[in-house]
Amino acid sequence: MKIITSFPVKEEKQTELKSYFLDEEFFFFQNIHEAADELENAEVLLTYGEDLTPALIEQATSLKWIMVMSAGMEKMPFQAINEKNILVTNARGIHKIPMSEYALGMMLQVSKQMKLLYEQEIESNWNRAIPTTELYGKTILIIGVGAIGGQIAMLCKSFGMSVLGISRSGNPIKHVEKIGKLDTLEHLLPKADYIVSVLPSTNETRYILKRKHFEKMKSNSIFMNIGRGDLVEESVLIDVMSERLIAHAVLDVFEQEPLPSEHLFWKMDNVTVTPHISSITANYLPRAFEIFEENLHIYRSKRTDYVNLINVKRGY
């Protein structure tokens, strides 16, 4: 079985994989262009999912399985993949620890006025009159309670917060006191002090938040988007923050990335901008490879109980 990668893999990991799976042929490439000559004969492809095109899928005549080493797959050519009946799995769930820690860190940063305190430190300004709040007793609404949202819920409960959630099914989830489907969003928004979205980008979620949703939020609420930048139209969010309909927005994802240096978000005192880093961690690839290795054992044994099996027709 020929297995190829379209992203850099450290030499020690290459050696480890070859020693674990002696019967397989591994070919490691820096990118999909380098891999092009071997793509035709590859049975398994490891990719981040952003480098594939329908033409490449057509070229990969022996391809049976694509392992996407990330959770986001909005750029995958699923129609071409479906036509060739190719198995797809991904690394869903590996982001839950770094992203939940990011969410809690940013909630604490805003509630404890960390940015303002840092500015005072630079100015040697001893001012104890800065108003701060606690997470304890507050309510968070998590929009998209999957693996990441569930981890955020657990951490928030440990801080003494109440946790509300929105999910596709609306089924009960541990650490979430009240959960509903998307059609209950407007009902839950006024109850929340913190609103965190971890929704993926799909046809159903694209631009799903409108101005009316922000008008439902408390005027002192904090909105955070760590899912995808097309959750809300940029112009809507600019108006919301310019008019100070809510207290603060923490944004890690944007419609256009990198965010242009002249963008208004950089200059707004009620907006915190980070460069799409909430999921970044030194443990990212090791965790993704753990999922791949487990699935490779399943694939070789011709079982069907894959970790993170993707519905190719739906795209998730």
Protein backbone atom coordinates (compact mmCIF):
# COMPACT_ATOMS: atom_id res chain seq x y z
CA MET A 1 0.00 0.00 0.00
CA LYS A 2 1.43 3.39 -1.02
CA ILE A 3 0.79 6.21 1.46
CA ILE A 4 1.79 9.79 0.64
CA THR A 5 1.70 13.10 2.49
CA SER A 6 1.31 16.61 1.06
CA PHE A 7 2.76 18.52 4.02
CA PRO A 8 6.11 18.50 5.87
CA VAL A 9 6.61 15.66 8.36
CA LYS A 10 9.54 15.62 10.77
CA GLU A 11 12.16 12.97 10.07
CA GLU A 12 11.67 11.28 13.43
CA LYS A 13 7.97 10.86 12.68
CA GLN A 14 8.75 9.50 9.23
CA THR A 15 11.06 6.91 10.78
CA GLU A 16 8.49 6.05 13.43
CA LEU A 17 5.72 5.44 10.88
CA LYS A 18 7.96 3.27 8.71
CA SER A 19 8.96 1.18 11.73
CA TYR A 20 5.37 0.79 12.96
CA PHE A 21 3.93 -0.18 9.57
CA LEU A 22 6.59 -2.29 7.91
CA ASP A 23 4.34 -3.54 5.11
CA GLU A 24 3.40 -0.07 3.85
CA GLU A 25 5.27 2.29 1.53
CA PHE A 26 5.45 5.86 2.83
CA PHE A 27 6.39 8.81 0.64
CA PHE A 28 6.71 12.19 2.35
CA PHE A 29 6.39 15.41 0.36
CA GLN A 30 6.50 19.08 1.30
CA ASN A 31 3.38 19.96 -0.70
CA ILE A 32 0.88 18.59 -3.18
CA HIS A 33 2.95 19.77 -6.17
CA GLU A 34 5.90 17.64 -5.10
CA ALA A 35 3.50 14.73 -4.55
CA ALA A 36 1.92 14.99 -8.01
CA ASP A 37 4.07 12.31 -9.66
CA GLU A 38 3.21 9.74 -6.96
CA LEU A 39 -0.44 10.71 -6.63
CA GLU A 40 -1.58 8.40 -9.40
CA ASN A 41 -0.38 5.31 -7.53
CA ALA A 42 -1.24 6.37 -3.98
CA GLU A 43 -3.88 4.40 -2.10
CA VAL A 44 -3.84 6.71 0.93
CA LEU A 45 -3.27 10.48 1.04
CA LEU A 46 -2.57 12.56 4.14
CA THR A 47 -3.39 16.23 3.60
CA TYR A 48 -4.53 19.36 5.40
CA GLY A 49 -7.42 19.43 2.94
CA GLU A 50 -6.77 22.82 1.37
CA ASP A 51 -4.56 21.65 -1.50
CA LEU A 52 -6.90 19.27 -3.33
CA THR A 53 -8.79 20.01 -6.53
CA PRO A 54 -11.21 17.96 -8.65
CA ALA A 55 -8.40 17.55 -11.22
CA LEU A 56 -6.06 16.06 -8.61
CA ILE A 57 -8.76 13.67 -7.43
CA GLU A 58 -9.26 12.60 -11.03
CA GLN A 59 -5.50 12.05 -11.36
CA ALA A 60 -5.40 9.87 -8.22
CA THR A 61 -6.75 6.74 -9.91
CA SER A 62 -5.73 4.39 -7.06
CA LEU A 63 -6.84 6.58 -4.17
CA LYS A 64 -9.09 4.87 -1.64
CA TRP A 65 -8.71 6.95 1.52
CA ILE A 66 -8.00 10.60 2.33
CA MET A 67 -6.94 11.43 5.88
CA VAL A 68 -7.45 15.15 6.49
CA MET A 69 -5.07 16.23 9.23
CA SER A 70 -7.35 19.06 10.37
CA ALA A 71 -10.98 19.56 11.31
CA GLY A 72 -11.96 22.17 8.71
CA MET A 73 -12.80 20.78 5.29
CA GLU A 74 -14.68 23.56 3.52
CA LYS A 75 -12.12 23.60 0.68
CA MET A 76 -12.32 19.88 -0.05
CA PRO A 77 -13.62 18.90 -3.56
CA PHE A 78 -16.29 16.63 -2.11
CA GLN A 79 -18.27 16.17 -5.33
CA ALA A 80 -15.26 14.66 -7.09
CA ILE A 81 -14.42 12.60 -4.02
CA ASN A 82 -17.97 11.28 -3.78
CA GLU A 83 -18.01 10.32 -7.46
CA LYS A 84 -14.97 8.11 -6.87
CA ASN A 85 -16.32 6.70 -3.61
CA ILE A 86 -13.19 7.68 -1.67
CA LEU A 87 -13.19 7.25 2.11
CA VAL A 88 -12.53 10.45 4.08
CA THR A 89 -11.60 10.83 7.74
CA ASN A 90 -10.36 13.89 9.57
CA ALA A 91 -8.73 15.03 12.81
CA ARG A 92 -11.86 16.37 14.46
CA GLY A 93 -11.40 16.72 18.20
CA ILE A 94 -7.67 17.49 18.30
CA HIS A 95 -8.43 21.22 18.65
CA LYS A 96 -10.50 20.93 21.81
CA ILE A 97 -7.69 21.48 24.33
CA PRO A 98 -5.91 24.49 22.75
CA MET A 99 -9.16 26.13 21.63
CA SER A 100 -10.89 25.72 24.97
CA GLU A 101 -7.84 27.13 26.75
CA TYR A 102 -7.82 30.05 24.29
CA ALA A 103 -11.50 30.72 24.97
CA LEU A 104 -11.01 30.74 28.74
CA GLY A 105 -7.87 32.85 28.41
CA MET A 106 -9.66 35.48 26.36
CA MET A 107 -12.67 35.50 28.68
CA LEU A 108 -10.31 36.15 31.59
CA GLN A 109 -8.39 38.76 29.61
CA VAL A 110 -11.53 40.77 28.95
CA SER A 111 -13.11 40.31 32.40
CA LYS A 112 -9.86 41.24 34.18
CA GLN A 113 -8.99 44.09 31.75
CA MET A 114 -5.59 42.56 31.01
CA LYS A 115 -4.94 44.73 27.95
CA LEU A 116 -5.56 47.92 29.89
CA LEU A 117 -3.44 46.71 32.80
CA TYR A 118 -0.59 45.98 30.38
CA GLU A 119 -0.85 49.51 28.98
CA GLN A 120 -0.70 50.89 32.53
CA GLU A 121 2.38 48.79 33.26
CA ILE A 122 4.15 50.20 30.19
CA GLU A 123 3.29 53.72 31.42
CA SER A 124 4.28 52.93 35.06
CA ASN A 125 0.76 53.98 36.01
CA TRP A 126 -0.42 52.68 39.42
CA ASN A 127 -4.21 52.80 39.01
CA ARG A 128 -6.34 50.41 41.06
CA ALA A 129 -9.64 51.87 39.86
CA ILE A 130 -9.92 49.70 36.76
CA PRO A 131 -13.31 47.91 36.89
CA THR A 132 -13.05 44.12 36.61
CA THR A 133 -15.57 41.31 36.74
CA GLU A 134 -15.60 37.59 37.54
CA LEU A 135 -16.46 34.56 35.43
CA TYR A 136 -18.07 33.01 38.51
CA GLY A 137 -21.84 33.15 38.32
CA LYS A 138 -21.88 34.29 34.70
CA THR A 139 -23.60 32.47 31.83
CA ILE A 140 -21.92 31.33 28.62
CA LEU A 141 -23.71 30.31 25.43
CA ILE A 142 -21.67 27.99 23.24
CA ILE A 143 -22.85 27.95 19.62
CA GLY A 144 -21.82 24.60 18.18
CA VAL A 145 -21.33 22.20 21.08
CA GLY A 146 -19.17 19.45 19.63
CA ALA A 147 -15.80 18.25 20.91
CA ILE A 148 -14.43 21.79 21.27
CA GLY A 149 -17.61 23.25 22.72
CA GLY A 150 -17.88 20.37 25.16
CA GLN A 151 -14.35 21.03 26.44
CA ILE A 152 -15.14 24.75 26.80
CA ALA A 153 -18.27 23.79 28.75
CA MET A 154 -16.26 21.62 31.15
CA LEU A 155 -13.75 24.39 31.85
CA CYS A 156 -16.48 26.99 32.32
CA LYS A 157 -18.29 24.77 34.83
CA SER A 158 -15.07 24.57 36.86
CA PHE A 159 -15.17 28.38 37.07
CA GLY A 160 -18.70 28.27 38.47
CA MET A 161 -20.41 29.40 35.28
CA SER A 162 -23.78 28.38 33.88
CA VAL A 163 -23.52 26.82 30.44
CA LEU A 164 -26.05 27.00 27.62
CA GLY A 165 -25.51 25.44 24.22
CA ILE A 166 -26.63 25.18 20.61
CA SER A 167 -26.08 22.01 18.60
CA ARG A 168 -27.44 20.41 15.46
CA SER A 169 -29.33 17.71 17.35
CA GLY A 170 -30.20 19.55 20.53
CA ASN A 171 -29.46 16.35 22.46
CA PRO A 172 -28.22 16.59 26.08
CA ILE A 173 -24.45 17.04 26.49
CA LYS A 174 -22.41 16.73 29.67
CA HIS A 175 -21.65 20.05 31.43
CA VAL A 176 -24.31 21.89 29.39
CA GLU A 177 -27.33 22.76 31.50
CA LYS A 178 -29.66 23.74 28.69
CA ILE A 179 -29.20 22.97 25.02
CA GLY A 180 -31.26 23.68 21.94
CA LYS A 181 -31.10 23.59 18.17
CA LEU A 182 -30.32 26.63 16.03
CA ASP A 183 -33.97 27.66 16.02
CA THR A 184 -33.70 28.40 19.77
CA LEU A 185 -30.71 30.75 19.36
CA GLU A 186 -32.67 33.99 19.62
CA HIS A 187 -34.30 32.73 22.80
CA LEU A 188 -30.98 31.86 24.47
CA LEU A 189 -28.91 34.89 23.42
CA PRO A 190 -30.43 37.36 25.94
CA LYS A 191 -29.49 35.01 28.80
CA ALA A 192 -25.75 34.93 28.04
CA ASP A 193 -22.90 37.08 29.33
CA TYR A 194 -20.44 35.34 26.99
CA ILE A 195 -21.30 34.00 23.53
CA VAL A 196 -18.70 31.75 21.91
CA SER A 197 -19.10 30.34 18.41
CA VAL A 198 -17.18 27.26 17.32
CA LEU A 199 -19.38 26.56 14.30
CA PRO A 200 -17.73 25.17 11.16
CA SER A 201 -18.28 26.73 7.76
CA THR A 202 -21.13 24.97 5.96
CA ASN A 203 -23.98 26.07 3.72
CA GLU A 204 -26.21 26.06 6.80
CA THR A 205 -23.94 28.17 9.02
CA ARG A 206 -22.54 30.69 6.54
CA TYR A 207 -23.60 34.20 7.61
CA ILE A 208 -26.09 32.70 10.05
CA LEU A 209 -25.60 35.49 12.61
CA LYS A 210 -27.45 38.67 11.66
CA ARG A 211 -27.72 42.08 13.26
CA LYS A 212 -30.92 40.96 14.97
CA HIS A 213 -28.93 38.36 16.92
CA PHE A 214 -26.56 40.98 18.32
CA GLU A 215 -29.54 43.16 19.22
CA LYS A 216 -30.79 40.24 21.33
CA MET A 217 -27.51 40.07 23.29
CA LYS A 218 -26.94 41.93 26.57
CA SER A 219 -25.29 45.32 26.12
CA ASN A 220 -22.45 44.18 28.40
CA SER A 221 -21.99 40.78 26.74
CA ILE A 222 -18.79 39.45 25.18
CA PHE A 223 -18.90 37.78 21.75
CA MET A 224 -16.13 35.44 20.61
CA ASN A 225 -15.69 33.74 17.24
CA ILE A 226 -13.15 30.91 17.05
CA GLY A 227 -14.99 28.84 14.45
CA ARG A 228 -15.04 30.32 10.97
CA GLY A 229 -14.90 33.89 9.69
CA ASP A 230 -18.03 33.60 7.55
CA LEU A 231 -20.30 33.15 10.57
CA VAL A 232 -21.36 36.81 10.30
CA GLU A 233 -20.94 39.34 7.52
CA GLU A 234 -18.03 41.60 8.28
CA SER A 235 -20.03 44.76 7.58
CA VAL A 236 -22.65 43.69 10.13
CA LEU A 237 -20.04 43.09 12.83
CA ILE A 238 -18.31 46.41 12.11
CA ASP A 239 -21.63 48.23 12.59
CA VAL A 240 -22.41 46.27 15.76
CA MET A 241 -19.07 47.13 17.35
CA SER A 242 -19.04 50.73 16.10
CA GLU A 243 -22.47 51.27 17.67
CA ARG A 244 -21.36 49.39 20.82
CA LEU A 245 -24.40 47.15 20.83
CA ILE A 246 -22.29 44.73 22.93
CA ALA A 247 -19.30 45.32 25.19
CA HIS A 248 -16.53 43.43 23.41
CA ALA A 249 -15.74 41.03 20.57
CA VAL A 250 -12.83 38.59 20.48
CA LEU A 251 -12.14 37.54 16.89
CA ASP A 252 -9.69 34.84 15.87
CA VAL A 253 -11.17 34.12 12.41
CA PHE A 254 -12.09 36.44 9.55
CA GLU A 255 -13.63 36.44 6.09
CA GLN A 256 -10.27 37.56 4.67
CA GLU A 257 -7.08 36.19 6.20
CA PRO A 258 -4.60 37.62 6.92
CA LEU A 259 -6.70 40.53 8.16
CA PRO A 260 -5.53 43.63 6.23
CA SER A 261 -3.40 46.00 8.32
CA GLU A 262 -5.74 48.91 7.55
CA HIS A 263 -8.84 47.03 8.73
CA LEU A 264 -11.09 48.76 11.25
CA PHE A 265 -11.03 45.80 13.64
CA TRP A 266 -7.38 46.51 14.48
CA LYS A 267 -8.26 50.02 15.63
CA MET A 268 -11.40 49.33 17.67
CA ASP A 269 -10.89 49.46 21.43
CA ASN A 270 -13.78 47.03 21.96
CA VAL A 271 -12.40 44.37 19.61
CA THR A 272 -9.56 41.93 20.29
CA VAL A 273 -7.93 40.53 17.15
CA THR A 274 -5.77 37.41 17.09
CA PRO A 275 -4.31 35.84 13.91
CA HIS A 276 -6.27 32.55 13.74
CA ILE A 277 -4.16 30.94 16.45
CA SER A 278 -6.73 29.44 18.82
CA SER A 279 -6.08 25.91 17.54
CA ILE A 280 -2.29 26.16 17.22
CA THR A 281 -0.27 23.98 19.56
CA ALA A 282 2.93 21.97 19.48
CA ASN A 283 0.74 18.91 20.06
CA TYR A 284 -1.32 19.45 16.89
CA LEU A 285 0.34 16.98 14.51
CA PRO A 286 1.12 14.33 17.14
CA ARG A 287 -2.59 14.17 18.00
CA ALA A 288 -3.58 14.08 14.32
CA PHE A 289 -1.16 11.24 13.64
CA GLU A 290 -2.60 9.28 16.56
CA ILE A 291 -5.98 9.35 14.79
CA PHE A 292 -4.39 8.39 11.47
CA GLU A 293 -2.51 5.47 12.98
CA GLU A 294 -5.63 4.14 14.68
CA ASN A 295 -7.55 4.42 11.42
CA LEU A 296 -4.74 2.77 9.47
CA HIS A 297 -5.06 -0.30 11.70
CA ILE A 298 -8.81 -0.27 11.02
CA TYR A 299 -8.27 0.18 7.27
CA ARG A 300 -5.79 -2.69 7.09
CA SER A 301 -8.13 -5.02 8.96
CA LYS A 302 -11.01 -4.04 6.62
CA ARG A 303 -13.19 -2.89 9.51
CA THR A 304 -15.55 0.06 9.22
CA ASP A 305 -15.43 1.64 12.70
CA TYR A 306 -13.25 4.56 11.66
CA VAL A 307 -12.49 7.48 13.96
CA ASN A 308 -14.02 10.66 12.54
CA LEU A 309 -15.53 9.13 9.42
CA ILE A 310 -16.85 11.91 7.19
CA ASN A 311 -20.16 11.87 5.34
CA VAL A 312 -18.79 12.88 1.94
CA LYS A 313 -22.21 13.89 0.62
CA ARG A 314 -22.72 16.32 3.50
CA GLY A 315 -19.11 17.43 3.75
CA TYR A 316 -18.75 16.85 7.49
